[in-house]
Protein backbone atom coordinates (compact mmCIF):
# COMPACT_ATOMS: atom_id res chain seq x y z
CA MET A 1 -28.31 -27.93 27.71
CA GLY A 2 -27.77 -29.77 24.42
CA ARG A 3 -30.10 -27.38 22.63
CA HIS A 4 -28.19 -24.42 24.10
CA ALA A 5 -24.83 -25.90 22.96
CA LEU A 6 -26.28 -26.48 19.49
CA LEU A 7 -27.47 -22.88 19.36
CA SER A 8 -24.05 -21.67 20.56
CA ALA A 9 -22.30 -23.64 17.82
CA SER A 10 -24.61 -22.27 15.17
CA SER A 11 -24.08 -18.79 16.62
CA SER A 12 -20.31 -19.20 16.26
CA LYS A 13 -20.69 -20.12 12.60
CA ARG A 14 -22.98 -17.17 11.98
CA TRP A 15 -20.50 -14.87 13.79
CA LEU A 16 -17.82 -15.67 11.25
CA SER A 17 -20.08 -15.28 8.24
CA CYS A 18 -22.23 -12.29 9.24
CA THR A 19 -21.78 -8.59 8.72
CA PRO A 20 -20.42 -6.38 11.53
CA SER A 21 -23.91 -5.17 12.44
CA ALA A 22 -25.13 -8.74 12.70
CA ARG A 23 -22.11 -9.59 14.84
CA LEU A 24 -23.16 -6.83 17.24
CA GLU A 25 -26.50 -8.56 17.61
CA GLU A 26 -24.78 -11.89 18.31
CA GLN A 27 -22.57 -10.21 20.92
CA PHE A 28 -25.61 -8.94 22.83
CA LYS A 29 -27.17 -12.37 22.60
CA ASP A 30 -24.06 -14.08 23.98
CA GLU A 31 -23.81 -11.61 26.88
CA ALA A 32 -27.47 -11.98 27.79
CA GLY A 33 -27.60 -15.78 27.76
CA GLY A 34 -30.70 -17.89 27.26
CA SER A 35 -33.16 -15.17 28.09
CA VAL A 36 -31.90 -13.21 25.11
CA TYR A 37 -33.45 -15.75 22.79
CA ALA A 38 -36.75 -15.16 24.48
CA GLU A 39 -36.36 -11.45 23.79
CA GLU A 40 -34.93 -11.99 20.29
CA GLY A 41 -37.74 -10.06 18.66
CA THR A 42 -37.14 -7.02 20.87
CA ALA A 43 -33.37 -7.09 20.31
CA ALA A 44 -33.81 -7.42 16.56
CA HIS A 45 -36.21 -4.51 16.55
CA ALA A 46 -33.76 -2.39 18.56
CA LEU A 47 -30.88 -3.35 16.29
CA ALA A 48 -32.96 -2.46 13.24
CA GLU A 49 -33.54 0.96 14.75
CA HIS A 50 -29.82 1.23 15.42
CA LYS A 51 -28.94 0.33 11.81
CA LEU A 52 -31.49 2.81 10.50
CA LYS A 53 -30.07 5.50 12.75
CA LYS A 54 -26.52 4.84 11.50
CA ALA A 55 -27.64 4.87 7.87
CA LEU A 56 -29.51 8.13 8.34
CA LYS A 57 -26.49 9.58 10.13
CA ARG A 58 -24.19 8.67 7.24
CA ARG A 59 -26.59 10.22 4.74
CA SER A 60 -27.15 13.33 6.82
CA LYS A 61 -23.41 13.87 7.15
CA ARG A 62 -22.89 14.02 3.40
CA PRO A 63 -24.48 17.42 2.68
CA VAL A 64 -22.90 18.88 5.81
CA SER A 65 -19.44 17.57 4.92
CA ASP A 66 -19.88 18.75 1.33
CA TYR A 67 -20.84 22.22 2.54
CA LEU A 68 -17.92 22.41 4.98
CA SER A 69 -15.45 21.21 2.34
CA LYS A 70 -16.70 23.91 -0.06
CA LYS A 71 -16.37 26.57 2.64
CA LEU A 72 -12.78 25.49 3.35
CA GLU A 73 -11.94 24.81 -0.32
CA LYS A 74 -10.28 28.19 -0.80
CA GLY A 75 -7.47 27.25 1.53
CA PRO A 76 -7.91 28.77 5.00
CA PRO A 77 -5.24 31.09 6.39
CA GLU A 78 -3.01 30.11 9.26
CA LEU A 79 -4.99 29.40 12.44
CA HIS A 80 -4.10 30.74 15.84
CA THR A 81 -4.73 28.68 18.97
CA LYS A 82 -7.92 30.57 19.90
CA GLU A 83 -9.36 30.16 16.39
CA LEU A 84 -8.52 26.45 16.37
CA CYS A 85 -10.26 25.94 19.73
CA TYR A 86 -13.25 27.92 18.47
CA LEU A 87 -13.61 25.72 15.38
CA CYS A 88 -13.07 22.44 17.24
CA LEU A 89 -15.45 23.09 20.16
CA THR A 90 -18.71 22.06 18.47
CA PRO A 91 -17.31 18.93 16.70
CA VAL A 92 -15.66 17.71 19.92
CA VAL A 93 -18.87 18.12 21.93
CA GLY A 94 -20.78 16.35 19.15
CA ILE A 95 -18.36 13.40 19.18
CA LEU A 96 -18.64 13.08 22.97
CA PHE A 97 -22.44 13.18 22.76
CA GLU A 98 -22.44 10.50 20.05
CA ASN A 99 -20.21 8.21 22.15
CA ILE A 100 -22.48 8.62 25.18
CA ILE A 101 -25.60 7.82 23.16
CA PHE A 102 -23.90 4.83 21.52
CA ARG A 103 -22.94 3.39 24.91
CA LEU A 104 -26.46 3.88 26.26
CA LEU A 105 -28.21 2.61 23.14
CA PHE A 106 -28.20 -1.00 24.38
CA THR A 107 -27.62 -2.17 27.94
CA VAL A 108 -27.68 -5.67 29.43
CA LYS A 109 -29.14 -6.00 32.89
CA GLU A 110 -29.91 -9.34 34.56
CA ASN A 111 -29.44 -11.17 31.26
CA VAL A 112 -31.97 -8.93 29.52
CA VAL A 113 -31.20 -6.50 26.69
CA PHE A 114 -32.70 -3.08 27.16
CA SER A 115 -33.07 -0.60 24.30
CA LEU A 116 -32.75 3.11 25.01
CA TYR A 117 -35.47 3.88 22.50
CA GLY A 118 -37.67 1.19 24.02
CA GLN A 119 -37.32 2.60 27.51
CA TYR A 120 -37.56 6.25 26.44
CA PRO A 121 -39.52 6.60 23.16
CA ALA A 122 -39.08 10.37 23.24
CA PHE A 123 -35.40 9.84 22.42
CA ILE A 124 -36.40 8.64 18.93
CA GLY A 125 -37.10 12.24 18.00
CA LEU A 126 -34.85 13.96 20.53
CA VAL A 127 -31.53 12.35 19.51
CA PRO A 128 -31.84 13.18 15.77
CA LEU A 129 -32.89 16.72 16.72
CA ILE A 130 -29.79 17.18 18.87
CA ALA A 131 -27.65 15.72 16.05
CA VAL A 132 -29.15 18.21 13.59
CA LEU A 133 -28.42 21.03 16.03
CA PHE A 134 -24.80 19.90 16.27
CA TYR A 135 -24.52 19.84 12.47
CA ALA A 136 -26.11 23.27 12.25
CA GLY A 137 -23.69 24.51 14.89
CA MET A 138 -20.74 23.23 12.84
CA VAL A 139 -22.03 24.96 9.71
CA VAL A 140 -22.67 28.23 11.56
CA THR A 141 -19.24 28.06 13.21
CA VAL A 142 -17.41 27.60 9.90
CA ALA A 143 -19.54 30.24 8.15
CA SER A 144 -19.01 32.79 10.92
CA TRP A 145 -15.28 32.04 10.97
CA GLN A 146 -15.08 32.60 7.20
CA GLU A 147 -16.93 35.89 7.61
CA MET A 148 -14.61 36.90 10.43
CA VAL A 149 -11.55 36.17 8.27
CA GLY A 150 -13.08 38.23 5.45
CA LEU A 151 -13.69 41.14 7.82
CA GLN A 152 -10.10 40.95 9.01
CA GLU A 153 -8.85 41.11 5.41
CA GLU A 154 -11.10 44.10 4.70
CA LYS A 155 -9.79 45.77 7.85
CA LYS A 156 -6.20 45.27 6.67
CA LYS A 157 -7.02 46.69 3.23
CA TYR A 158 -8.76 49.68 4.78
CA PHE A 159 -5.81 50.24 7.12
CA VAL A 160 -3.33 50.18 4.22
CA GLU A 161 -5.49 52.55 2.18
CA GLN A 162 -5.75 55.00 5.08
CA GLN A 163 -2.00 54.83 5.62
CA GLN A 164 -1.40 55.58 1.96
CA LEU A 165 -3.83 58.49 2.02
CA ALA A 166 -2.14 59.89 5.13
CA ALA A 167 1.28 59.60 3.47
CA ILE A 168 -0.01 61.30 0.31
CA ARG A 169 -1.56 64.16 2.29
CA GLU A 170 1.66 64.60 4.23
CA ARG A 171 3.64 64.69 1.00
CA ILE A 172 1.19 67.20 -0.48
CA GLY A 173 1.81 69.44 2.53
CA GLU A 174 5.55 69.27 1.84
CA VAL A 175 4.98 70.19 -1.81
CA GLU A 176 2.86 73.17 -0.78
CA GLN A 177 5.75 74.31 1.37
CA PHE A 178 8.02 73.96 -1.65
CA TYR A 179 5.69 76.10 -3.73
CA ASP A 180 5.66 78.69 -0.95
CA GLY A 181 9.44 78.65 -1.09
CA ILE A 182 9.36 79.24 -4.84
CA ARG A 183 7.01 82.19 -4.38
CA ARG A 184 9.29 83.61 -1.71
CA MET A 185 12.27 83.17 -4.01
CA LYS A 186 10.50 85.08 -6.76
CA HIS A 187 9.92 87.94 -4.37
CA GLU A 188 13.55 87.80 -3.34
CA MET A 189 14.78 87.75 -6.92
CA LYS A 190 15.08 91.55 -6.98
CA ASN A 191 17.39 91.38 -3.99
CA HIS A 192 19.41 88.64 -5.68
CA LEU A 193 19.76 90.72 -8.84
CA THR A 194 20.84 93.72 -6.79
CA ASN A 195 23.49 91.62 -5.06
CA ILE A 196 24.72 90.22 -8.37
CA LYS A 197 24.99 93.72 -9.87
CA GLY A 198 26.92 94.86 -6.83
CA LEU A 199 29.37 91.96 -7.08
CA ALA A 200 29.79 92.54 -10.82
CA GLY A 201 30.35 96.27 -10.32
CA SER A 202 33.03 95.63 -7.72
CA GLY A 203 34.78 93.12 -9.96
CA SER A 204 34.21 90.20 -7.54
CA TYR A 205 33.49 87.76 -10.33
CA GLU A 206 34.51 84.64 -8.40
CA GLU A 207 32.18 85.47 -5.52
CA MET A 208 29.45 86.27 -8.04
CA GLU A 209 29.83 82.80 -9.62
CA GLN A 210 29.58 81.17 -6.19
CA TYR A 211 26.50 83.26 -5.40
CA ILE A 212 24.79 82.21 -8.66
CA ALA A 213 25.75 78.56 -8.06
CA ARG A 214 24.06 78.67 -4.64
CA MET A 215 20.96 80.14 -6.28
CA ASP A 216 20.92 77.29 -8.81
CA GLU A 217 21.14 74.70 -6.03
CA SER A 218 18.26 76.30 -4.15
CA MET A 219 16.19 76.35 -7.35
CA ASP A 220 16.91 72.68 -8.09
CA ALA A 221 15.40 71.71 -4.75
CA PHE A 222 12.01 72.96 -5.96
CA GLU A 223 12.21 71.49 -9.45
CA MET A 224 9.88 68.64 -10.52
CA SER A 225 11.07 66.81 -13.60
CA VAL A 226 7.69 65.15 -14.29
CA ARG A 227 4.51 67.16 -14.77
CA THR A 228 1.26 65.18 -14.84
CA GLY A 229 -1.24 68.01 -14.67
CA ASN A 230 -2.23 67.39 -11.04
CA ALA A 231 -0.37 68.26 -7.84
CA VAL A 232 -1.21 64.96 -6.12
CA THR A 233 -0.01 62.71 -8.94
CA ASP A 234 2.98 65.04 -9.49
CA VAL A 235 4.14 64.18 -5.98
CA ILE A 236 3.66 60.42 -6.42
CA VAL A 237 5.32 60.11 -9.83
CA ASN A 238 8.29 62.35 -8.98
CA ASP A 239 8.93 60.51 -5.71
CA LYS A 240 8.91 57.14 -7.47
CA GLN A 241 11.12 58.48 -10.26
CA LYS A 242 13.72 59.65 -7.74
CA ALA A 243 13.56 56.28 -5.98
CA ALA A 244 14.08 54.51 -9.33
CA GLU A 245 17.08 56.71 -10.15
CA ARG A 246 18.66 55.89 -6.78
CA MET A 247 18.20 52.16 -7.51
CA GLY A 248 19.58 52.44 -11.04
CA ILE A 249 16.20 51.69 -12.68
CA ARG A 250 15.28 53.32 -15.97
CA PHE A 251 12.03 55.25 -15.46
CA ARG A 252 9.78 56.63 -18.18
CA SER A 253 6.48 58.46 -17.65
CA ASP A 254 3.81 59.46 -20.18
CA PHE A 255 1.15 59.99 -17.54
CA VAL A 256 -1.34 62.82 -18.07
CA TYR A 257 -3.99 63.40 -15.43
CA PRO A 258 -7.52 63.36 -16.92
CA ALA A 259 -9.03 66.80 -17.43
CA SER A 260 -12.29 65.89 -15.72
CA ASP A 261 -13.75 66.67 -12.31
CA ARG A 262 -15.39 63.23 -12.17
CA TYR A 263 -12.21 61.58 -10.93
CA ASN A 264 -10.96 61.88 -7.37
CA ALA A 265 -7.26 62.80 -7.31
CA TYR A 266 -6.63 60.68 -4.21
CA ASP A 267 -8.20 57.60 -5.82
CA ILE A 268 -5.95 58.00 -8.87
CA ALA A 269 -2.97 58.59 -6.56
CA ILE A 270 -3.63 55.34 -4.66
CA ILE A 271 -3.74 53.38 -7.93
CA VAL A 272 -0.55 54.95 -9.32
CA ASN A 273 1.27 54.69 -5.98
CA ASN A 274 0.49 50.97 -5.56
CA LEU A 275 1.40 50.09 -9.14
CA LEU A 276 4.71 51.98 -9.06
CA GLN A 277 5.61 50.64 -5.61
CA ASN A 278 5.07 47.05 -6.77
CA ALA A 279 7.14 47.77 -9.89
CA LEU A 280 10.00 49.23 -7.83
CA GLU A 281 10.06 46.20 -5.53
CA ALA A 282 9.99 43.78 -8.48
CA CYS A 283 12.89 45.57 -10.19
CA GLY A 284 14.76 45.82 -6.90
CA ARG A 285 14.77 42.01 -6.58
CA MET A 286 16.40 41.56 -9.99
CA THR A 287 20.02 40.37 -9.97
CA SER A 288 20.65 40.62 -13.73
CA GLY A 289 19.18 42.10 -16.89
CA GLU A 290 17.81 45.53 -17.70
CA ARG A 291 15.63 47.08 -15.04
CA TYR A 292 12.96 49.48 -16.22
CA ILE A 293 9.55 50.93 -15.31
CA SER A 294 7.14 52.51 -17.77
CA LEU A 295 4.09 54.51 -16.67
CA SER A 296 1.39 55.81 -18.99
CA GLY A 297 -2.00 57.39 -18.48
CA SER A 298 -4.36 58.67 -21.15
CA ARG A 299 -7.99 59.62 -21.47
CA LYS A 300 -10.29 58.73 -24.34
CA ASN A 301 -13.90 59.93 -24.25
CA ARG A 302 -15.32 58.79 -20.91
CA PHE A 303 -12.55 56.31 -20.16
CA PHE A 304 -9.17 56.72 -18.48
CA LEU A 305 -6.44 54.11 -18.96
CA ILE A 306 -3.51 53.67 -16.55
CA SER A 307 -0.73 51.25 -17.48
CA VAL A 308 2.47 50.25 -15.69
CA LYS A 309 5.05 47.89 -17.19
CA ASN A 310 8.18 46.70 -15.44
CA SER A 311 10.85 44.08 -15.78
CA PHE A 312 11.02 41.28 -13.23
CA GLU A 313 12.91 38.11 -12.46
CA GLY A 314 11.50 34.74 -11.44
CA GLU A 315 8.00 33.29 -11.64
CA VAL A 316 4.66 34.94 -10.95
CA VAL A 317 2.18 32.80 -8.98
CA PHE A 318 -1.51 33.75 -9.09
CA ASP A 319 -4.02 33.14 -6.31
CA LYS A 320 -6.88 30.99 -7.59
CA SER A 321 -9.56 32.77 -5.57
CA THR A 322 -8.58 36.37 -6.43
CA ASN A 323 -6.68 35.95 -9.73
CA LEU A 324 -4.07 38.32 -8.32
CA PRO A 325 -0.34 37.60 -7.93
CA VAL A 326 0.70 36.17 -4.60
CA SER A 327 3.11 38.39 -2.68
CA THR A 328 6.70 37.16 -2.88
CA LYS A 329 7.85 39.33 0.00
CA ALA A 330 9.02 37.36 3.03
CA PRO A 331 7.21 37.69 6.39
CA ASP A 332 8.51 40.30 8.80
CA VAL A 333 8.86 37.62 11.47
CA PRO A 334 10.02 34.06 10.59
CA GLY A 335 7.00 31.79 10.65
CA GLY A 336 4.67 34.74 10.99
CA PRO A 337 1.96 36.00 8.66
CA ALA A 338 2.69 37.64 5.32
CA PRO A 339 3.11 41.43 5.38
CA LEU A 340 0.48 43.87 4.24
CA HIS A 341 2.39 44.62 1.01
CA GLY A 342 0.51 41.82 -0.79
CA ILE A 343 -2.70 43.83 -0.56
CA GLY A 344 -1.46 46.48 -3.05
CA LEU A 345 -3.09 45.12 -6.20
CA SER A 346 -6.22 44.26 -4.25
CA ASN A 347 -6.51 47.94 -3.29
CA VAL A 348 -6.01 48.90 -6.94
CA ARG A 349 -8.88 46.63 -7.94
CA ARG A 350 -11.12 48.09 -5.25
CA GLU A 351 -10.37 51.67 -6.34
CA ALA A 352 -11.07 50.70 -9.96
CA ALA A 353 -14.42 49.23 -8.92
CA LYS A 354 -15.48 52.69 -7.69
CA TYR A 355 -15.36 53.82 -11.32
CA LEU A 356 -16.95 50.68 -12.80
CA GLY A 357 -13.48 49.71 -13.98
CA ASN A 358 -11.30 46.63 -14.02
CA VAL A 359 -7.69 45.51 -13.65
CA ASP A 360 -5.95 43.46 -16.33
CA ILE A 361 -2.66 41.69 -15.53
CA LYS A 362 -0.38 40.18 -18.17
CA VAL A 363 2.98 38.45 -17.93
CA ARG A 364 5.16 38.21 -21.04
CA LYS A 365 8.58 36.62 -20.58
CA ASN A 366 10.29 38.97 -18.10
CA GLU A 367 7.80 41.84 -18.34
CA PHE A 368 4.94 42.35 -15.90
CA SER A 369 2.12 44.59 -17.13
CA VAL A 370 -0.87 45.98 -15.22
CA THR A 371 -3.60 47.96 -16.98
CA VAL A 372 -6.36 49.74 -15.05
CA LEU A 373 -9.46 50.91 -16.90
CA LEU A 374 -11.60 53.60 -15.25
CA GLN A 375 -14.90 55.07 -16.37
CA GLU A 376 -16.24 58.50 -15.53
CA ARG A 377 -18.97 58.56 -12.94
CA SER A 378 -21.32 61.33 -12.02
CA ASN A 379 -21.27 60.38 -8.34
CA HIS A 380 -17.94 58.91 -7.34
CA GLU A 381 -16.76 58.53 -3.77
């Protein structure tokens, strides 16, 4: 009894001075009583295994945590409830498994410490294998989620591009109808001249003036003030010019469509449409100062250069991962995701990539400038 009290006193001193892992060993010894000291070698061996397991676990977590932090470094988009549950499922199951193993690692029964690894040696290899599978599951989950987000972004971009192409084709159909109207008017010109001669011969000069004025109005409806050399870009540039005039924005165009069959008119139209639409929205948000948009397009040898400059107000913030400006347009629904408008310049870059080109963005004081360089290709999409 005296020897046991002496050992208990020395154990209390060691408890205060030892590390947490050593204190765990003392706790098992105190719970087990005198027989623990008889099994001290076994307990120490089990605790050594436990310490080694924890050290290996800490080291094995480092590369996994580093990989996951790199995957999420870009700043993940807003998560919905289903996505959050999907990402948390594997880590939660892993934490529960670790707690179960930790509780079963050492058990005290009839004043004897039993080691899980001592009772079941197969667990020495099985537990680390399961832990590795959990880590692999976490990595695969994050990687697949990142890929899924990327596919969603590509789907949005493709959707916007298809919508733009559909709008351009619809507008081209309207222009073709206008041209048909012009051709019909040319055929009807003889009738108009006959009517004018009749009014002049009868001395109805006032009615003749009204008749000619109505003819002028009908002719103005078919007039395009900007000629680019291509019907598709004619539609885009003239529509944007009319929109700028309605908003009180000064619009200037020196755009000439390249005289080469190695460029797709719809690809050029998507680039010009996105650039001018962004410029219109930037000028529309201005509350003071001169508002202007300048469009130019010229060909030199095998290269075609498209440039749009516009005034703006405020500060331009660039996304670190894409080096493109972040959309400043508010979400359609409060607290909801950003609208698809922010994909405009991304679509421009993708269209430029078809022609081995690039997009250069510059901000000088209150002027925003985008330059798109395209190169002729023998086999473009």
